[in-house]
Protein backbone atom coordinates (compact mmCIF):
# COMPACT_ATOMS: atom_id res chain seq x y z
CA UNK A 1 0.08 0.18 0.46
CA UNK A 2 1.23 3.16 -0.62
CA UNK A 3 2.20 5.96 1.88
CA UNK A 4 0.09 8.84 2.00
CA UNK A 5 3.14 10.59 3.27
CA UNK A 6 4.65 10.71 -0.85
CA UNK A 7 2.24 13.01 -2.17
CA UNK A 8 3.82 15.49 -0.41
CA UNK A 9 6.99 14.80 -2.49
CA UNK A 10 4.66 15.88 -5.88
CA UNK A 11 4.13 18.96 -4.46
CA UNK A 12 6.91 21.08 -5.38
CA UNK A 13 6.97 20.16 -9.19
CA UNK A 14 3.66 20.38 -9.35
CA UNK A 15 3.47 24.08 -7.84
CA UNK A 16 6.36 25.28 -10.16
CA UNK A 17 4.93 23.80 -12.96
CA UNK A 18 1.72 25.38 -12.03
CA UNK A 19 3.39 28.74 -11.59
CA UNK A 20 5.58 28.30 -14.79
CA UNK A 21 2.41 27.53 -16.83
CA UNK A 22 0.37 30.38 -15.31
CA UNK A 23 2.90 32.60 -15.46
CA UNK A 24 4.09 32.15 -19.46
CA UNK A 25 0.06 31.93 -20.48
CA UNK A 26 -0.12 35.31 -18.11
CA UNK A 27 2.20 37.39 -20.14
CA UNK A 28 1.67 35.78 -23.60
CA UNK A 29 -1.97 37.02 -23.02
CA UNK A 30 -0.37 40.46 -22.37
CA UNK A 31 1.58 40.65 -25.39
CA UNK A 32 -1.28 39.76 -27.29
CA UNK A 33 -3.26 42.60 -25.91
CA UNK A 34 -0.57 45.17 -26.31
CA UNK A 35 0.94 46.66 -29.21
CA UNK A 36 4.49 45.21 -28.21
CA UNK A 37 7.39 45.48 -30.68
CA UNK A 38 10.90 45.30 -30.74
CA UNK A 39 11.09 49.00 -31.92
CA UNK A 40 9.74 50.51 -28.80
CA UNK A 41 10.24 51.51 -25.64
CA UNK A 42 7.51 50.35 -23.08
CA UNK A 43 5.01 51.39 -21.83
CA UNK A 44 3.34 49.96 -24.60
CA UNK A 45 -0.17 50.88 -25.82
CA UNK A 46 -3.11 48.79 -25.14
CA UNK A 47 -4.92 48.15 -28.19
CA UNK A 48 -7.21 45.06 -26.25
CA UNK A 49 -7.63 42.59 -29.36
CA UNK A 50 -6.81 44.70 -32.28
CA UNK A 51 -4.55 42.12 -33.40
CA UNK A 52 -6.50 38.86 -33.44
CA UNK A 53 -8.74 40.91 -35.13
CA UNK A 54 -5.89 42.06 -37.65
CA UNK A 55 -4.82 38.40 -37.39
CA UNK A 56 -8.21 36.92 -39.09
CA UNK A 57 -8.97 39.58 -41.48
CA UNK A 58 -5.24 39.04 -43.05
CA UNK A 59 -5.39 37.05 -46.65
CA UNK A 60 -1.42 35.85 -45.69
CA UNK A 61 -2.49 34.64 -42.59
CA UNK A 62 -5.61 32.48 -43.79
CA UNK A 63 -3.10 31.39 -46.40
CA UNK A 64 -1.00 29.74 -43.34
CA UNK A 65 -3.82 28.52 -41.29
CA UNK A 66 -4.91 26.80 -44.60
CA UNK A 67 -1.18 25.28 -45.54
CA UNK A 68 -0.91 24.91 -41.85
CA UNK A 69 -3.87 22.19 -41.52
CA UNK A 70 -3.15 20.76 -45.05
CA UNK A 71 0.24 20.16 -44.08
CA UNK A 72 -0.86 17.99 -40.94
CA UNK A 73 -3.55 16.23 -42.30
CA UNK A 74 -1.90 14.99 -45.39
CA UNK A 75 1.59 13.71 -43.92
CA UNK A 76 -0.28 12.73 -40.48
CA UNK A 77 -2.80 10.61 -42.80
CA UNK A 78 -0.01 9.05 -45.13
CA UNK A 79 1.79 7.84 -41.53
CA UNK A 80 -0.37 5.96 -40.20
CA UNK A 81 -0.99 4.31 -43.75
CA UNK A 82 2.32 3.76 -43.94
CA UNK A 83 2.75 2.66 -40.22
CA UNK A 84 -0.08 -0.06 -40.20
CA UNK A 85 1.37 -1.51 -43.23
CA UNK A 86 4.95 -1.64 -42.94
CA UNK A 87 4.03 -2.74 -39.03
CA UNK A 88 1.73 -5.59 -40.46
CA UNK A 89 4.38 -6.86 -42.93
CA UNK A 90 7.35 -6.69 -40.05
CA UNK A 91 4.86 -8.88 -38.09
CA UNK A 92 5.36 -11.85 -39.60
CA UNK A 93 8.28 -13.85 -39.20
CA UNK A 94 11.39 -13.12 -41.79
CA UNK A 95 15.32 -13.22 -41.11
CA UNK A 96 16.68 -10.16 -39.93
CA UNK A 97 13.51 -9.02 -38.39
CA UNK A 98 15.27 -7.23 -35.57
CA UNK A 99 17.35 -5.74 -37.59
CA UNK A 100 15.44 -4.25 -39.97
CA UNK A 101 13.02 -2.57 -36.59
CA UNK A 102 16.27 -1.29 -35.35
CA UNK A 103 17.13 0.44 -38.86
CA UNK A 104 13.53 1.76 -39.55
CA UNK A 105 13.94 3.72 -36.15
CA UNK A 106 16.82 6.01 -36.89
CA UNK A 107 14.70 8.91 -38.61
CA UNK A 108 12.70 8.95 -35.20
CA UNK A 109 15.96 9.63 -33.28
CA UNK A 110 17.16 12.21 -35.38
CA UNK A 111 16.56 16.17 -35.06
CA UNK A 112 14.19 17.85 -37.30
CA UNK A 113 17.04 20.14 -37.80
CA UNK A 114 19.35 17.06 -39.02
CA UNK A 115 16.30 15.82 -41.15
CA UNK A 116 15.91 18.93 -42.75
CA UNK A 117 20.16 19.30 -44.07
CA UNK A 118 19.60 15.71 -45.28
CA UNK A 119 16.37 16.11 -47.43
CA UNK A 120 17.88 19.52 -48.42
CA UNK A 121 20.67 17.76 -49.67
CA UNK A 122 18.48 14.80 -51.19
CA UNK A 123 16.31 17.53 -53.27
CA UNK A 124 19.38 19.54 -54.56
CA UNK A 125 18.57 19.76 -58.43
CA UNK A 126 22.18 19.48 -59.47
CA UNK A 127 23.53 16.48 -57.27
CA UNK A 128 20.54 14.94 -55.10
CA UNK A 129 20.11 11.52 -55.36
CA UNK A 130 16.68 11.94 -55.59
CA UNK A 131 16.97 13.83 -58.80
CA UNK A 132 19.11 11.27 -60.08
CA UNK A 133 16.97 8.41 -59.20
CA UNK A 134 14.09 9.89 -61.13
CA UNK A 135 16.72 10.80 -64.39
CA UNK A 136 18.05 7.14 -64.20
CA UNK A 137 14.87 5.30 -63.54
CA UNK A 138 12.01 7.27 -65.55
CA UNK A 139 14.17 9.60 -67.70
CA UNK A 140 12.44 12.47 -65.99
CA UNK A 141 14.35 15.52 -66.06
CA UNK A 142 15.52 17.99 -63.12
CA UNK A 143 13.37 19.34 -60.84
CA UNK A 144 14.08 21.93 -58.25
CA UNK A 145 12.42 20.26 -55.50
CA UNK A 146 12.40 23.70 -52.75
CA UNK A 147 12.37 25.98 -55.40
CA UNK A 148 9.48 25.46 -57.49
CA UNK A 149 5.46 26.84 -55.11
CA UNK A 150 3.66 24.07 -56.56
CA UNK A 151 5.56 21.36 -55.00
CA UNK A 152 7.51 22.33 -52.23
CA UNK A 153 4.80 22.15 -49.43
CA UNK A 154 4.82 18.09 -50.55
CA UNK A 155 9.20 18.08 -50.56
CA UNK A 156 8.17 19.09 -46.60
CA UNK A 157 5.41 16.80 -45.96
CA UNK A 158 7.58 13.87 -47.54
CA UNK A 159 10.09 14.48 -45.32
CA UNK A 160 7.69 14.98 -42.24
CA UNK A 161 6.36 11.28 -43.11
CA UNK A 162 10.26 10.09 -43.07
CA UNK A 163 11.09 10.81 -39.68
CA UNK A 164 7.82 10.39 -38.14
CA UNK A 165 6.51 7.34 -39.65
CA UNK A 166 8.41 5.22 -37.31
CA UNK A 167 6.88 6.71 -34.50
CA UNK A 168 3.71 4.75 -35.86
CA UNK A 169 5.42 1.71 -36.78
CA UNK A 170 6.73 1.67 -33.43
CA UNK A 171 3.72 1.68 -31.36
CA UNK A 172 1.36 0.00 -34.02
CA UNK A 173 3.65 -3.11 -33.48
CA UNK A 174 3.68 -2.86 -29.73
CA UNK A 175 0.26 -2.75 -29.98
CA UNK A 176 -0.08 -6.19 -32.55
CA UNK A 177 2.55 -7.82 -30.49
CA UNK A 178 -0.31 -7.55 -27.57
CA UNK A 179 -3.22 -8.18 -29.60
CA UNK A 180 -5.18 -11.93 -28.53
CA UNK A 181 -3.86 -14.32 -30.93
CA UNK A 182 -7.53 -16.16 -30.20
CA UNK A 183 -9.82 -14.09 -32.69
CA UNK A 184 -7.44 -14.15 -35.43
CA UNK A 185 -7.22 -18.41 -35.14
CA UNK A 186 -10.54 -18.08 -35.12
CA UNK A 187 -11.69 -16.48 -38.14
CA UNK A 188 -8.41 -18.34 -40.01
CA UNK A 189 -10.60 -21.77 -38.59
CA UNK A 190 -13.36 -19.98 -40.07
CA UNK A 191 -12.16 -19.81 -43.69
CA UNK A 192 -11.73 -15.75 -42.96
CA UNK A 193 -9.15 -14.28 -45.76
CA UNK A 194 -6.10 -11.84 -44.80
CA UNK A 195 -7.99 -8.75 -45.69
CA UNK A 196 -11.06 -10.05 -43.50
CA UNK A 197 -8.79 -10.32 -40.84
CA UNK A 198 -7.59 -7.27 -40.93
CA UNK A 199 -10.48 -4.85 -41.83
CA UNK A 200 -12.88 -7.00 -39.06
CA UNK A 201 -10.69 -8.12 -36.12
CA UNK A 202 -7.22 -6.41 -36.33
CA UNK A 203 -8.21 -2.75 -37.90
CA UNK A 204 -10.69 -2.65 -34.81
CA UNK A 205 -8.46 -3.39 -32.42
CA UNK A 206 -5.75 -1.07 -33.49
CA UNK A 207 -8.04 1.80 -34.09
CA UNK A 208 -7.40 3.00 -30.55
CA UNK A 209 -3.64 3.30 -30.20
CA UNK A 210 -3.91 4.67 -34.26
CA UNK A 211 -6.36 7.66 -32.88
CA UNK A 212 -4.13 8.25 -30.11
CA UNK A 213 -1.04 8.32 -32.20
CA UNK A 214 -2.61 10.34 -35.25
CA UNK A 215 -4.09 12.91 -32.14
CA UNK A 216 -0.39 13.17 -30.79
CA UNK A 217 1.23 13.42 -33.99
CA UNK A 218 -1.31 16.04 -35.50
CA UNK A 219 -0.51 18.01 -32.18
CA UNK A 220 3.42 17.76 -33.13
CA UNK A 221 2.91 18.58 -37.05
CA UNK A 222 0.63 21.85 -36.12
CA UNK A 223 3.98 22.68 -33.82
CA UNK A 224 6.80 22.26 -36.85
CA UNK A 225 9.05 25.19 -37.39
CA UNK A 226 12.82 24.01 -37.30
CA UNK A 227 12.09 22.06 -40.12
CA UNK A 228 10.23 24.14 -42.53
CA UNK A 229 12.84 26.79 -41.27
CA UNK A 230 15.98 24.77 -42.01
CA UNK A 231 14.70 23.87 -45.60
CA UNK A 232 12.73 26.41 -47.00
CA UNK A 233 12.42 29.08 -44.70
CA UNK A 234 9.13 29.93 -45.51
CA UNK A 235 9.17 30.27 -49.28
CA UNK A 236 9.60 29.94 -52.47
CA UNK A 237 6.77 32.86 -52.87
CA UNK A 238 5.19 31.74 -49.07
CA UNK A 239 4.44 28.44 -50.78
CA UNK A 240 5.41 26.87 -47.45
CA UNK A 241 4.53 29.58 -44.44
CA UNK A 242 2.78 27.92 -42.28
CA UNK A 243 1.22 29.70 -39.02
CA UNK A 244 4.84 29.16 -36.70
CA UNK A 245 6.84 30.11 -39.71
CA UNK A 246 4.24 33.13 -40.22
CA UNK A 247 4.41 33.92 -36.85
CA UNK A 248 8.42 34.01 -36.98
CA UNK A 249 8.28 36.33 -39.23
CA UNK A 250 6.05 38.57 -38.07
CA UNK A 251 8.59 38.37 -34.21
CA UNK A 252 12.09 38.51 -35.41
CA UNK A 253 12.25 40.27 -39.09
CA UNK A 254 8.87 42.75 -38.91
CA UNK A 255 9.69 43.06 -35.24
CA UNK A 256 5.59 42.90 -34.36
CA UNK A 257 6.11 40.45 -31.48
CA UNK A 258 2.13 41.27 -30.12
CA UNK A 259 1.10 40.20 -33.75
CA UNK A 260 3.11 37.10 -33.62
CA UNK A 261 1.67 36.10 -30.28
CA UNK A 262 -1.92 36.90 -31.40
CA UNK A 263 -1.37 34.33 -34.03
CA UNK A 264 -0.15 31.85 -32.17
CA UNK A 265 -2.86 32.28 -29.51
CA UNK A 266 -5.53 31.88 -32.56
CA UNK A 267 -3.94 29.19 -34.07
CA UNK A 268 -3.44 27.43 -30.60
CA UNK A 269 -7.31 27.99 -30.06
CA UNK A 270 -8.49 26.70 -33.09
CA UNK A 271 -6.47 23.51 -32.59
CA UNK A 272 -7.53 22.76 -28.98
CA UNK A 273 -10.89 22.80 -30.33
CA UNK A 274 -10.34 20.82 -32.79
CA UNK A 275 -8.84 18.24 -30.65
CA UNK A 276 -11.33 18.15 -28.13
CA UNK A 277 -14.35 17.95 -30.38
CA UNK A 278 -12.26 15.05 -32.20
CA UNK A 279 -11.77 13.39 -28.94
CA UNK A 280 -15.31 13.96 -27.64
CA UNK A 281 -16.32 12.11 -31.06
CA UNK A 282 -14.09 9.35 -30.19
CA UNK A 283 -15.14 8.86 -26.91
CA UNK A 284 -19.01 8.68 -28.02
CA UNK A 285 -18.13 6.16 -30.58
CA UNK A 286 -17.16 3.98 -27.71
């Protein structure tokens, strides 16, 4: 039985975390409501929700929000599909299975900056391995992956998928290892095909894991900045400028800290509402 006195050891960390969270959130609200700029000295002018209104009325901000949602939706969806497919394959017995599992986790332990630098080399129009492969195998000419506005966002998504699909593989394989074998064996005896077993037994049992994993990845993808900063810095022609990248430009290029924080607050509010709605729908389905 746990000693009731041990709970007192938790209070210092709880208090510290609460103070830090309350202080940083309060200061962020203060910045959002005041015209704070790196070019101005305090006291700063109180502007209320004016900066939030500017963000909501800005066409550039609208494009950045849309780009962020496209980036998150597409990349997370691809990660889930690839993660499940690769996990099902790795769940079979074959020689070198452990080595393959370990190698697949390498991108997961890399920092996004390193991943961005690696993929910039891959995408290099002159010496990149991707253009060389496409030209050698399919005869496709040189493509400027990070310099073409029509393909730059997709190129970023591919780097994101490469790095974080192993996370979905990891949690899916753990779920597969703990999955009861009796329903699958009974289905095989009844003559069910592999596809029927996957669709009617395996996938429903995996759904709680995939939902949680997808939500974690979605929240993390909304916060992406370092990968985009290293690879494109929001270009070309703003084609890869997400909300975080736009907020960075507002803060440290235009020196408008208040507007940058207002934009971040709007994004946080939208993501929080979306995730809360999604979680409530999932709970109702259960």
